[in-house]
Amino acid sequence: KRTTARMYYRLMCRLVGRDIPFDAADF
């Protein structure tokens, strides 16, 4: 889960074109 979470946030930063806080979910 930790590994896939890192991959998800790195991918989202590239696609969204904006820095997204790593390890920040819905809290």
mmCIF file of all heavy atoms, coordinates in Angstrom:
data_MODEL
# 
_entry.id   MODEL 
# 
loop_
_atom_site.group_PDB 
_atom_site.id 
_atom_site.type_symbol 
_atom_site.label_atom_id 
_atom_site.label_alt_id 
_atom_site.label_comp_id 
_atom_site.label_asym_id 
_atom_site.label_entity_id 
_atom_site.label_seq_id 
_atom_site.pdbx_PDB_ins_code 
_atom_site.Cartn_x 
_atom_site.Cartn_y 
_atom_site.Cartn_z 
_atom_site.occupancy 
_atom_site.B_iso_or_equiv 
_atom_site.pdbx_formal_charge 
_atom_site.auth_seq_id 
_atom_site.auth_comp_id 
_atom_site.auth_asym_id 
_atom_site.auth_atom_id 
_atom_site.pdbx_PDB_model_num 
ATOM 1   N N   . LYS A 1 1  ? 0.822   -1.205 0.000   1.00 0.00 ? 1  LYS A N   1 
ATOM 2   C CA  . LYS A 1 1  ? 0.000   0.000  0.000   1.00 0.00 ? 1  LYS A CA  1 
ATOM 3   C C   . LYS A 1 1  ? 0.856   1.256  0.000   1.00 0.00 ? 1  LYS A C   1 
ATOM 4   O O   . LYS A 1 1  ? 0.539   2.237  -0.673  1.00 0.00 ? 1  LYS A O   1 
ATOM 5   C CB  . LYS A 1 1  ? -0.936  -0.004 1.217   1.00 0.00 ? 1  LYS A CB  1 
ATOM 6   C CG  . LYS A 1 1  ? -1.987  1.097  1.171   1.00 0.00 ? 1  LYS A CG  1 
ATOM 7   C CD  . LYS A 1 1  ? -3.047  0.905  2.227   1.00 0.00 ? 1  LYS A CD  1 
ATOM 8   C CE  . LYS A 1 1  ? -4.139  1.959  2.093   1.00 0.00 ? 1  LYS A CE  1 
ATOM 9   N NZ  . LYS A 1 1  ? -5.207  1.780  3.111   1.00 0.00 ? 1  LYS A NZ  1 
ATOM 10  N N   . ARG A 1 2  ? 1.961   1.242  0.736   1.00 0.00 ? 2  ARG A N   1 
ATOM 11  C CA  . ARG A 1 2  ? 2.850   2.407  0.734   1.00 0.00 ? 2  ARG A CA  1 
ATOM 12  C C   . ARG A 1 2  ? 3.459   2.626  -0.645  1.00 0.00 ? 2  ARG A C   1 
ATOM 13  O O   . ARG A 1 2  ? 3.554   3.761  -1.119  1.00 0.00 ? 2  ARG A O   1 
ATOM 14  C CB  . ARG A 1 2  ? 3.962   2.215  1.784   1.00 0.00 ? 2  ARG A CB  1 
ATOM 15  C CG  . ARG A 1 2  ? 3.487   2.253  3.219   1.00 0.00 ? 2  ARG A CG  1 
ATOM 16  C CD  . ARG A 1 2  ? 4.658   2.449  4.170   1.00 0.00 ? 2  ARG A CD  1 
ATOM 17  N NE  . ARG A 1 2  ? 5.640   1.384  4.054   1.00 0.00 ? 2  ARG A NE  1 
ATOM 18  C CZ  . ARG A 1 2  ? 5.610   0.259  4.767   1.00 0.00 ? 2  ARG A CZ  1 
ATOM 19  N NH1 . ARG A 1 2  ? 4.637   0.063  5.650   1.00 0.00 ? 2  ARG A NH1 1 
ATOM 20  N NH2 . ARG A 1 2  ? 6.548   -0.668 4.621   1.00 0.00 ? 2  ARG A NH2 1 
ATOM 21  N N   . THR A 1 3  ? 3.858   1.539  -1.289  1.00 0.00 ? 3  THR A N   1 
ATOM 22  C CA  . THR A 1 3  ? 4.492   1.648  -2.605  1.00 0.00 ? 3  THR A CA  1 
ATOM 23  C C   . THR A 1 3  ? 3.514   2.159  -3.647  1.00 0.00 ? 3  THR A C   1 
ATOM 24  O O   . THR A 1 3  ? 3.827   3.068  -4.428  1.00 0.00 ? 3  THR A O   1 
ATOM 25  C CB  . THR A 1 3  ? 5.052   0.285  -3.035  1.00 0.00 ? 3  THR A CB  1 
ATOM 26  O OG1 . THR A 1 3  ? 5.988   -0.178 -2.055  1.00 0.00 ? 3  THR A OG1 1 
ATOM 27  C CG2 . THR A 1 3  ? 5.752   0.395  -4.380  1.00 0.00 ? 3  THR A CG2 1 
ATOM 28  N N   . THR A 1 4  ? 2.317   1.583  -3.676  1.00 0.00 ? 4  THR A N   1 
ATOM 29  C CA  . THR A 1 4  ? 1.331   2.026  -4.658  1.00 0.00 ? 4  THR A CA  1 
ATOM 30  C C   . THR A 1 4  ? 0.882   3.461  -4.394  1.00 0.00 ? 4  THR A C   1 
ATOM 31  O O   . THR A 1 4  ? 0.583   4.204  -5.330  1.00 0.00 ? 4  THR A O   1 
ATOM 32  C CB  . THR A 1 4  ? 0.113   1.086  -4.655  1.00 0.00 ? 4  THR A CB  1 
ATOM 33  O OG1 . THR A 1 4  ? -0.405  0.972  -3.315  1.00 0.00 ? 4  THR A OG1 1 
ATOM 34  C CG2 . THR A 1 4  ? 0.488   -0.293 -5.166  1.00 0.00 ? 4  THR A CG2 1 
ATOM 35  N N   . ALA A 1 5  ? 0.860   3.865  -3.121  1.00 0.00 ? 5  ALA A N   1 
ATOM 36  C CA  . ALA A 1 5  ? 0.486   5.244  -2.799  1.00 0.00 ? 5  ALA A CA  1 
ATOM 37  C C   . ALA A 1 5  ? 1.514   6.224  -3.355  1.00 0.00 ? 5  ALA A C   1 
ATOM 38  O O   . ALA A 1 5  ? 1.161   7.269  -3.926  1.00 0.00 ? 5  ALA A O   1 
ATOM 39  C CB  . ALA A 1 5  ? 0.346   5.425  -1.292  1.00 0.00 ? 5  ALA A CB  1 
ATOM 40  N N   . ARG A 1 6  ? 2.807   5.901  -3.195  1.00 0.00 ? 6  ARG A N   1 
ATOM 41  C CA  . ARG A 1 6  ? 3.851   6.778  -3.758  1.00 0.00 ? 6  ARG A CA  1 
ATOM 42  C C   . ARG A 1 6  ? 3.737   6.869  -5.268  1.00 0.00 ? 6  ARG A C   1 
ATOM 43  O O   . ARG A 1 6  ? 3.875   7.951  -5.850  1.00 0.00 ? 6  ARG A O   1 
ATOM 44  C CB  . ARG A 1 6  ? 5.229   6.266  -3.345  1.00 0.00 ? 6  ARG A CB  1 
ATOM 45  C CG  . ARG A 1 6  ? 5.602   6.551  -1.895  1.00 0.00 ? 6  ARG A CG  1 
ATOM 46  C CD  . ARG A 1 6  ? 7.082   6.347  -1.661  1.00 0.00 ? 6  ARG A CD  1 
ATOM 47  N NE  . ARG A 1 6  ? 7.470   4.956  -1.869  1.00 0.00 ? 6  ARG A NE  1 
ATOM 48  C CZ  . ARG A 1 6  ? 7.498   4.036  -0.902  1.00 0.00 ? 6  ARG A CZ  1 
ATOM 49  N NH1 . ARG A 1 6  ? 7.146   4.372  0.339   1.00 0.00 ? 6  ARG A NH1 1 
ATOM 50  N NH2 . ARG A 1 6  ? 7.864   2.797  -1.152  1.00 0.00 ? 6  ARG A NH2 1 
ATOM 51  N N   . MET A 1 7  ? 3.489   5.732  -5.914  1.00 0.00 ? 7  MET A N   1 
ATOM 52  C CA  . MET A 1 7  ? 3.341   5.732  -7.366  1.00 0.00 ? 7  MET A CA  1 
ATOM 53  C C   . MET A 1 7  ? 2.138   6.575  -7.784  1.00 0.00 ? 7  MET A C   1 
ATOM 54  O O   . MET A 1 7  ? 2.202   7.345  -8.753  1.00 0.00 ? 7  MET A O   1 
ATOM 55  C CB  . MET A 1 7  ? 3.181   4.290  -7.873  1.00 0.00 ? 7  MET A CB  1 
ATOM 56  C CG  . MET A 1 7  ? 4.417   3.436  -7.701  1.00 0.00 ? 7  MET A CG  1 
ATOM 57  S SD  . MET A 1 7  ? 4.106   1.685  -8.071  1.00 0.00 ? 7  MET A SD  1 
ATOM 58  C CE  . MET A 1 7  ? 3.534   1.793  -9.769  1.00 0.00 ? 7  MET A CE  1 
ATOM 59  N N   . TYR A 1 8  ? 1.053   6.466  -7.039  1.00 0.00 ? 8  TYR A N   1 
ATOM 60  C CA  . TYR A 1 8  ? -0.160  7.227  -7.356  1.00 0.00 ? 8  TYR A CA  1 
ATOM 61  C C   . TYR A 1 8  ? 0.106   8.726  -7.283  1.00 0.00 ? 8  TYR A C   1 
ATOM 62  O O   . TYR A 1 8  ? -0.238  9.475  -8.202  1.00 0.00 ? 8  TYR A O   1 
ATOM 63  C CB  . TYR A 1 8  ? -1.272  6.826  -6.380  1.00 0.00 ? 8  TYR A CB  1 
ATOM 64  C CG  . TYR A 1 8  ? -2.506  7.699  -6.448  1.00 0.00 ? 8  TYR A CG  1 
ATOM 65  C CD1 . TYR A 1 8  ? -3.488  7.462  -7.401  1.00 0.00 ? 8  TYR A CD1 1 
ATOM 66  C CD2 . TYR A 1 8  ? -2.692  8.755  -5.555  1.00 0.00 ? 8  TYR A CD2 1 
ATOM 67  C CE1 . TYR A 1 8  ? -4.623  8.255  -7.463  1.00 0.00 ? 8  TYR A CE1 1 
ATOM 68  C CE2 . TYR A 1 8  ? -3.819  9.549  -5.617  1.00 0.00 ? 8  TYR A CE2 1 
ATOM 69  C CZ  . TYR A 1 8  ? -4.779  9.291  -6.573  1.00 0.00 ? 8  TYR A CZ  1 
ATOM 70  O OH  . TYR A 1 8  ? -5.893  10.086 -6.628  1.00 0.00 ? 8  TYR A OH  1 
ATOM 71  N N   . TYR A 1 9  ? 0.717   9.192  -6.196  1.00 0.00 ? 9  TYR A N   1 
ATOM 72  C CA  . TYR A 1 9  ? 0.915   10.628 -6.025  1.00 0.00 ? 9  TYR A CA  1 
ATOM 73  C C   . TYR A 1 9  ? 1.921   11.186 -7.036  1.00 0.00 ? 9  TYR A C   1 
ATOM 74  O O   . TYR A 1 9  ? 1.763   12.311 -7.515  1.00 0.00 ? 9  TYR A O   1 
ATOM 75  C CB  . TYR A 1 9  ? 1.357   10.936 -4.588  1.00 0.00 ? 9  TYR A CB  1 
ATOM 76  C CG  . TYR A 1 9  ? 0.215   10.860 -3.607  1.00 0.00 ? 9  TYR A CG  1 
ATOM 77  C CD1 . TYR A 1 9  ? 0.144   9.843  -2.664  1.00 0.00 ? 9  TYR A CD1 1 
ATOM 78  C CD2 . TYR A 1 9  ? -0.809  11.795 -3.641  1.00 0.00 ? 9  TYR A CD2 1 
ATOM 79  C CE1 . TYR A 1 9  ? -0.913  9.764  -1.764  1.00 0.00 ? 9  TYR A CE1 1 
ATOM 80  C CE2 . TYR A 1 9  ? -1.871  11.724 -2.746  1.00 0.00 ? 9  TYR A CE2 1 
ATOM 81  C CZ  . TYR A 1 9  ? -1.926  10.712 -1.823  1.00 0.00 ? 9  TYR A CZ  1 
ATOM 82  O OH  . TYR A 1 9  ? -2.969  10.632 -0.940  1.00 0.00 ? 9  TYR A OH  1 
ATOM 83  N N   . ARG A 1 10 ? 2.954   10.409 -7.376  1.00 0.00 ? 10 ARG A N   1 
ATOM 84  C CA  . ARG A 1 10 ? 3.897   10.871 -8.402  1.00 0.00 ? 10 ARG A CA  1 
ATOM 85  C C   . ARG A 1 10 ? 3.201   11.005 -9.745  1.00 0.00 ? 10 ARG A C   1 
ATOM 86  O O   . ARG A 1 10 ? 3.410   11.985 -10.485 1.00 0.00 ? 10 ARG A O   1 
ATOM 87  C CB  . ARG A 1 10 ? 5.078   9.904  -8.494  1.00 0.00 ? 10 ARG A CB  1 
ATOM 88  C CG  . ARG A 1 10 ? 6.037   9.975  -7.312  1.00 0.00 ? 10 ARG A CG  1 
ATOM 89  C CD  . ARG A 1 10 ? 7.345   9.254  -7.629  1.00 0.00 ? 10 ARG A CD  1 
ATOM 90  N NE  . ARG A 1 10 ? 8.269   9.334  -6.508  1.00 0.00 ? 10 ARG A NE  1 
ATOM 91  C CZ  . ARG A 1 10 ? 8.451   8.375  -5.612  1.00 0.00 ? 10 ARG A CZ  1 
ATOM 92  N NH1 . ARG A 1 10 ? 7.732   7.264  -5.702  1.00 0.00 ? 10 ARG A NH1 1 
ATOM 93  N NH2 . ARG A 1 10 ? 9.309   8.521  -4.626  1.00 0.00 ? 10 ARG A NH2 1 
ATOM 94  N N   . LEU A 1 11 ? 2.377   10.022 -10.079 1.00 0.00 ? 11 LEU A N   1 
ATOM 95  C CA  . LEU A 1 11 ? 1.647   10.078 -11.347 1.00 0.00 ? 11 LEU A CA  1 
ATOM 96  C C   . LEU A 1 11 ? 0.679   11.244 -11.373 1.00 0.00 ? 11 LEU A C   1 
ATOM 97  O O   . LEU A 1 11 ? 0.579   11.972 -12.372 1.00 0.00 ? 11 LEU A O   1 
ATOM 98  C CB  . LEU A 1 11 ? 0.893   8.753  -11.565 1.00 0.00 ? 11 LEU A CB  1 
ATOM 99  C CG  . LEU A 1 11 ? -0.003  8.679  -12.809 1.00 0.00 ? 11 LEU A CG  1 
ATOM 100 C CD1 . LEU A 1 11 ? 0.829   8.846  -14.076 1.00 0.00 ? 11 LEU A CD1 1 
ATOM 101 C CD2 . LEU A 1 11 ? -0.778  7.366  -12.835 1.00 0.00 ? 11 LEU A CD2 1 
ATOM 102 N N   . MET A 1 12 ? -0.029  11.468 -10.264 1.00 0.00 ? 12 MET A N   1 
ATOM 103 C CA  . MET A 1 12 ? -1.000  12.557 -10.234 1.00 0.00 ? 12 MET A CA  1 
ATOM 104 C C   . MET A 1 12 ? -0.322  13.925 -10.350 1.00 0.00 ? 12 MET A C   1 
ATOM 105 O O   . MET A 1 12 ? -0.853  14.837 -10.990 1.00 0.00 ? 12 MET A O   1 
ATOM 106 C CB  . MET A 1 12 ? -1.825  12.499 -8.946  1.00 0.00 ? 12 MET A CB  1 
ATOM 107 C CG  . MET A 1 12 ? -2.772  11.319 -8.868  1.00 0.00 ? 12 MET A CG  1 
ATOM 108 S SD  . MET A 1 12 ? -3.906  11.194 -10.278 1.00 0.00 ? 12 MET A SD  1 
ATOM 109 C CE  . MET A 1 12 ? -3.184  9.819  -11.183 1.00 0.00 ? 12 MET A CE  1 
ATOM 110 N N   . CYS A 1 13 ? 0.846   14.079 -9.759  1.00 0.00 ? 13 CYS A N   1 
ATOM 111 C CA  . CYS A 1 13 ? 1.573   15.348 -9.881  1.00 0.00 ? 13 CYS A CA  1 
ATOM 112 C C   . CYS A 1 13 ? 1.908   15.635 -11.334 1.00 0.00 ? 13 CYS A C   1 
ATOM 113 O O   . CYS A 1 13 ? 1.824   16.781 -11.798 1.00 0.00 ? 13 CYS A O   1 
ATOM 114 C CB  . CYS A 1 13 ? 2.857   15.311 -9.048  1.00 0.00 ? 13 CYS A CB  1 
ATOM 115 S SG  . CYS A 1 13 ? 2.589   15.480 -7.263  1.00 0.00 ? 13 CYS A SG  1 
ATOM 116 N N   . ARG A 1 14 ? 2.279   14.601 -12.077 1.00 0.00 ? 14 ARG A N   1 
ATOM 117 C CA  . ARG A 1 14 ? 2.602   14.791 -13.488 1.00 0.00 ? 14 ARG A CA  1 
ATOM 118 C C   . ARG A 1 14 ? 1.366   15.105 -14.317 1.00 0.00 ? 14 ARG A C   1 
ATOM 119 O O   . ARG A 1 14 ? 1.388   15.978 -15.194 1.00 0.00 ? 14 ARG A O   1 
ATOM 120 C CB  . ARG A 1 14 ? 3.277   13.535 -14.045 1.00 0.00 ? 14 ARG A CB  1 
ATOM 121 C CG  . ARG A 1 14 ? 4.730   13.381 -13.605 1.00 0.00 ? 14 ARG A CG  1 
ATOM 122 C CD  . ARG A 1 14 ? 5.364   12.186 -14.296 1.00 0.00 ? 14 ARG A CD  1 
ATOM 123 N NE  . ARG A 1 14 ? 6.795   12.137 -14.046 1.00 0.00 ? 14 ARG A NE  1 
ATOM 124 C CZ  . ARG A 1 14 ? 7.709   12.759 -14.768 1.00 0.00 ? 14 ARG A CZ  1 
ATOM 125 N NH1 . ARG A 1 14 ? 7.328   13.514 -15.791 1.00 0.00 ? 14 ARG A NH1 1 
ATOM 126 N NH2 . ARG A 1 14 ? 8.986   12.654 -14.487 1.00 0.00 ? 14 ARG A NH2 1 
ATOM 127 N N   . LEU A 1 15 ? 0.267   14.413 -14.034 1.00 0.00 ? 15 LEU A N   1 
ATOM 128 C CA  . LEU A 1 15 ? -0.935  14.583 -14.849 1.00 0.00 ? 15 LEU A CA  1 
ATOM 129 C C   . LEU A 1 15 ? -1.660  15.886 -14.544 1.00 0.00 ? 15 LEU A C   1 
ATOM 130 O O   . LEU A 1 15 ? -2.146  16.570 -15.452 1.00 0.00 ? 15 LEU A O   1 
ATOM 131 C CB  . LEU A 1 15 ? -1.884  13.396 -14.641 1.00 0.00 ? 15 LEU A CB  1 
ATOM 132 C CG  . LEU A 1 15 ? -1.379  12.034 -15.127 1.00 0.00 ? 15 LEU A CG  1 
ATOM 133 C CD1 . LEU A 1 15 ? -2.442  10.979 -14.900 1.00 0.00 ? 15 LEU A CD1 1 
ATOM 134 C CD2 . LEU A 1 15 ? -0.995  12.081 -16.591 1.00 0.00 ? 15 LEU A CD2 1 
ATOM 135 N N   . VAL A 1 16 ? -1.755  16.238 -13.266 1.00 0.00 ? 16 VAL A N   1 
ATOM 136 C CA  . VAL A 1 16 ? -2.482  17.437 -12.879 1.00 0.00 ? 16 VAL A CA  1 
ATOM 137 C C   . VAL A 1 16 ? -1.658  18.685 -13.167 1.00 0.00 ? 16 VAL A C   1 
ATOM 138 O O   . VAL A 1 16 ? -2.203  19.768 -13.373 1.00 0.00 ? 16 VAL A O   1 
ATOM 139 C CB  . VAL A 1 16 ? -2.891  17.365 -11.392 1.00 0.00 ? 16 VAL A CB  1 
ATOM 140 C CG1 . VAL A 1 16 ? -3.592  18.627 -10.936 1.00 0.00 ? 16 VAL A CG1 1 
ATOM 141 C CG2 . VAL A 1 16 ? -3.804  16.159 -11.178 1.00 0.00 ? 16 VAL A CG2 1 
ATOM 142 N N   . GLY A 1 17 ? -0.330  18.522 -13.199 1.00 0.00 ? 17 GLY A N   1 
ATOM 143 C CA  . GLY A 1 17 ? 0.524   19.670 -13.466 1.00 0.00 ? 17 GLY A CA  1 
ATOM 144 C C   . GLY A 1 17 ? 0.649   20.603 -12.293 1.00 0.00 ? 17 GLY A C   1 
ATOM 145 O O   . GLY A 1 17 ? 0.915   21.798 -12.445 1.00 0.00 ? 17 GLY A O   1 
ATOM 146 N N   . ARG A 1 18 ? 0.445   20.087 -11.102 1.00 0.00 ? 18 ARG A N   1 
ATOM 147 C CA  . ARG A 1 18 ? 0.545   20.903 -9.889  1.00 0.00 ? 18 ARG A CA  1 
ATOM 148 C C   . ARG A 1 18 ? 1.017   20.006 -8.759  1.00 0.00 ? 18 ARG A C   1 
ATOM 149 O O   . ARG A 1 18 ? 0.706   18.818 -8.730  1.00 0.00 ? 18 ARG A O   1 
ATOM 150 C CB  . ARG A 1 18 ? -0.816  21.521 -9.554  1.00 0.00 ? 18 ARG A CB  1 
ATOM 151 C CG  . ARG A 1 18 ? -0.807  22.431 -8.325  1.00 0.00 ? 18 ARG A CG  1 
ATOM 152 C CD  . ARG A 1 18 ? -2.184  22.989 -8.097  1.00 0.00 ? 18 ARG A CD  1 
ATOM 153 N NE  . ARG A 1 18 ? -2.601  23.862 -9.167  1.00 0.00 ? 18 ARG A NE  1 
ATOM 154 C CZ  . ARG A 1 18 ? -2.286  25.151 -9.249  1.00 0.00 ? 18 ARG A CZ  1 
ATOM 155 N NH1 . ARG A 1 18 ? -1.533  25.695 -8.314  1.00 0.00 ? 18 ARG A NH1 1 
ATOM 156 N NH2 . ARG A 1 18 ? -2.715  25.890 -10.242 1.00 0.00 ? 18 ARG A NH2 1 
ATOM 157 N N   . ASP A 1 19 ? 1.781   20.594 -7.849  1.00 0.00 ? 19 ASP A N   1 
ATOM 158 C CA  . ASP A 1 19 ? 2.259   19.813 -6.714  1.00 0.00 ? 19 ASP A CA  1 
ATOM 159 C C   . ASP A 1 19 ? 1.088   19.372 -5.848  1.00 0.00 ? 19 ASP A C   1 
ATOM 160 O O   . ASP A 1 19 ? 0.255   20.192 -5.444  1.00 0.00 ? 19 ASP A O   1 
ATOM 161 C CB  . ASP A 1 19 ? 3.246   20.615 -5.881  1.00 0.00 ? 19 ASP A CB  1 
ATOM 162 C CG  . ASP A 1 19 ? 4.578   20.788 -6.597  1.00 0.00 ? 19 ASP A CG  1 
ATOM 163 O OD1 . ASP A 1 19 ? 4.865   19.967 -7.477  1.00 0.00 ? 19 ASP A OD1 1 
ATOM 164 O OD2 . ASP A 1 19 ? 5.301   21.748 -6.272  1.00 0.00 ? 19 ASP A OD2 1 
ATOM 165 N N   . ILE A 1 20 ? 1.013   18.089 -5.578  1.00 0.00 ? 20 ILE A N   1 
ATOM 166 C CA  . ILE A 1 20 ? -0.007  17.525 -4.700  1.00 0.00 ? 20 ILE A CA  1 
ATOM 167 C C   . ILE A 1 20 ? 0.712   16.997 -3.465  1.00 0.00 ? 20 ILE A C   1 
ATOM 168 O O   . ILE A 1 20 ? 1.703   16.270 -3.584  1.00 0.00 ? 20 ILE A O   1 
ATOM 169 C CB  . ILE A 1 20 ? -0.768  16.389 -5.403  1.00 0.00 ? 20 ILE A CB  1 
ATOM 170 C CG1 . ILE A 1 20 ? -1.494  16.936 -6.622  1.00 0.00 ? 20 ILE A CG1 1 
ATOM 171 C CG2 . ILE A 1 20 ? -1.745  15.714 -4.458  1.00 0.00 ? 20 ILE A CG2 1 
ATOM 172 C CD1 . ILE A 1 20 ? -2.123  15.869 -7.461  1.00 0.00 ? 20 ILE A CD1 1 
ATOM 173 N N   . PRO A 1 21 ? 0.258   17.356 -2.271  1.00 0.00 ? 21 PRO A N   1 
ATOM 174 C CA  . PRO A 1 21 ? 0.939   16.875 -1.062  1.00 0.00 ? 21 PRO A CA  1 
ATOM 175 C C   . PRO A 1 21 ? 0.962   15.348 -1.004  1.00 0.00 ? 21 PRO A C   1 
ATOM 176 O O   . PRO A 1 21 ? -0.076  14.701 -1.085  1.00 0.00 ? 21 PRO A O   1 
ATOM 177 C CB  . PRO A 1 21 ? 0.094   17.462 0.074   1.00 0.00 ? 21 PRO A CB  1 
ATOM 178 C CG  . PRO A 1 21 ? -0.638  18.605 -0.539  1.00 0.00 ? 21 PRO A CG  1 
ATOM 179 C CD  . PRO A 1 21 ? -0.873  18.231 -1.964  1.00 0.00 ? 21 PRO A CD  1 
ATOM 180 N N   . PHE A 1 22 ? 2.179   14.786 -0.930  1.00 0.00 ? 22 PHE A N   1 
ATOM 181 C CA  . PHE A 1 22 ? 2.306   13.343 -0.803  1.00 0.00 ? 22 PHE A CA  1 
ATOM 182 C C   . PHE A 1 22 ? 1.736   12.904 0.555   1.00 0.00 ? 22 PHE A C   1 
ATOM 183 O O   . PHE A 1 22 ? 1.867   13.595 1.555   1.00 0.00 ? 22 PHE A O   1 
ATOM 184 C CB  . PHE A 1 22 ? 3.771   12.933 -0.899  1.00 0.00 ? 22 PHE A CB  1 
ATOM 185 C CG  . PHE A 1 22 ? 4.229   12.694 -2.315  1.00 0.00 ? 22 PHE A CG  1 
ATOM 186 C CD1 . PHE A 1 22 ? 3.986   13.643 -3.299  1.00 0.00 ? 22 PHE A CD1 1 
ATOM 187 C CD2 . PHE A 1 22 ? 4.882   11.531 -2.666  1.00 0.00 ? 22 PHE A CD2 1 
ATOM 188 C CE1 . PHE A 1 22 ? 4.403   13.435 -4.597  1.00 0.00 ? 22 PHE A CE1 1 
ATOM 189 C CE2 . PHE A 1 22 ? 5.300   11.310 -3.972  1.00 0.00 ? 22 PHE A CE2 1 
ATOM 190 C CZ  . PHE A 1 22 ? 5.061   12.272 -4.941  1.00 0.00 ? 22 PHE A CZ  1 
ATOM 191 N N   . ASP A 1 23 ? 1.090   11.754 0.560   1.00 0.00 ? 23 ASP A N   1 
ATOM 192 C CA  . ASP A 1 23 ? 0.545   11.161 1.782   1.00 0.00 ? 23 ASP A CA  1 
ATOM 193 C C   . ASP A 1 23 ? -0.533  12.037 2.417   1.00 0.00 ? 23 ASP A C   1 
ATOM 194 O O   . ASP A 1 23 ? -0.739  12.015 3.634   1.00 0.00 ? 23 ASP A O   1 
ATOM 195 C CB  . ASP A 1 23 ? 1.653   10.876 2.795   1.00 0.00 ? 23 ASP A CB  1 
ATOM 196 C CG  . ASP A 1 23 ? 2.620   9.813  2.302   1.00 0.00 ? 23 ASP A CG  1 
ATOM 197 O OD1 . ASP A 1 23 ? 2.158   8.902  1.592   1.00 0.00 ? 23 ASP A OD1 1 
ATOM 198 O OD2 . ASP A 1 23 ? 3.815   9.904  2.608   1.00 0.00 ? 23 ASP A OD2 1 
ATOM 199 N N   . ALA A 1 24 ? -1.222  12.832 1.591   1.00 0.00 ? 24 ALA A N   1 
ATOM 200 C CA  . ALA A 1 24 ? -2.379  13.600 2.069   1.00 0.00 ? 24 ALA A CA  1 
ATOM 201 C C   . ALA A 1 24 ? -3.610  13.042 1.375   1.00 0.00 ? 24 ALA A C   1 
ATOM 202 O O   . ALA A 1 24 ? -3.753  13.167 0.153   1.00 0.00 ? 24 ALA A O   1 
ATOM 203 C CB  . ALA A 1 24 ? -2.203  15.091 1.746   1.00 0.00 ? 24 ALA A CB  1 
ATOM 204 N N   . ALA A 1 25 ? -4.475  12.415 2.117   1.00 0.00 ? 25 ALA A N   1 
ATOM 205 C CA  . ALA A 1 25 ? -5.665  11.802 1.524   1.00 0.00 ? 25 ALA A CA  1 
ATOM 206 C C   . ALA A 1 25 ? -6.860  12.741 1.691   1.00 0.00 ? 25 ALA A C   1 
ATOM 207 O O   . ALA A 1 25 ? -6.866  13.844 1.166   1.00 0.00 ? 25 ALA A O   1 
ATOM 208 C CB  . ALA A 1 25 ? -5.923  10.440 2.149   1.00 0.00 ? 25 ALA A CB  1 
ATOM 209 N N   . ASP A 1 26 ? -7.853  12.334 2.470   1.00 0.00 ? 26 ASP A N   1 
ATOM 210 C CA  . ASP A 1 26 ? -9.071  13.140 2.594   1.00 0.00 ? 26 ASP A CA  1 
ATOM 211 C C   . ASP A 1 26 ? -9.244  13.717 3.993   1.00 0.00 ? 26 ASP A C   1 
ATOM 212 O O   . ASP A 1 26 ? -10.356 14.069 4.391   1.00 0.00 ? 26 ASP A O   1 
ATOM 213 C CB  . ASP A 1 26 ? -10.302 12.305 2.220   1.00 0.00 ? 26 ASP A CB  1 
ATOM 214 C CG  . ASP A 1 26 ? -10.346 12.015 0.727   1.00 0.00 ? 26 ASP A CG  1 
ATOM 215 O OD1 . ASP A 1 26 ? -10.218 12.976 -0.052  1.00 0.00 ? 26 ASP A OD1 1 
ATOM 216 O OD2 . ASP A 1 26 ? -10.486 10.844 0.343   1.00 0.00 ? 26 ASP A OD2 1 
ATOM 217 N N   . PHE A 1 27 ? -8.161  13.806 4.749   1.00 0.00 ? 27 PHE A N   1 
ATOM 218 C CA  . PHE A 1 27 ? -8.188  14.477 6.037   1.00 0.00 ? 27 PHE A CA  1 
ATOM 219 C C   . PHE A 1 27 ? -7.620  15.877 5.841   1.00 0.00 ? 27 PHE A C   1 
ATOM 220 O O   . PHE A 1 27 ? -6.410  16.058 5.687   1.00 0.00 ? 27 PHE A O   1 
ATOM 221 C CB  . PHE A 1 27 ? -7.365  13.688 7.057   1.00 0.00 ? 27 PHE A CB  1 
ATOM 222 C CG  . PHE A 1 27 ? -7.374  14.265 8.450   1.00 0.00 ? 27 PHE A CG  1 
ATOM 223 C CD1 . PHE A 1 27 ? -8.491  14.931 8.942   1.00 0.00 ? 27 PHE A CD1 1 
ATOM 224 C CD2 . PHE A 1 27 ? -6.277  14.124 9.278   1.00 0.00 ? 27 PHE A CD2 1 
ATOM 225 C CE1 . PHE A 1 27 ? -8.510  15.463 10.223  1.00 0.00 ? 27 PHE A CE1 1 
ATOM 226 C CE2 . PHE A 1 27 ? -6.272  14.638 10.565  1.00 0.00 ? 27 PHE A CE2 1 
ATOM 227 C CZ  . PHE A 1 27 ? -7.397  15.310 11.028  1.00 0.00 ? 27 PHE A CZ  1 
# 
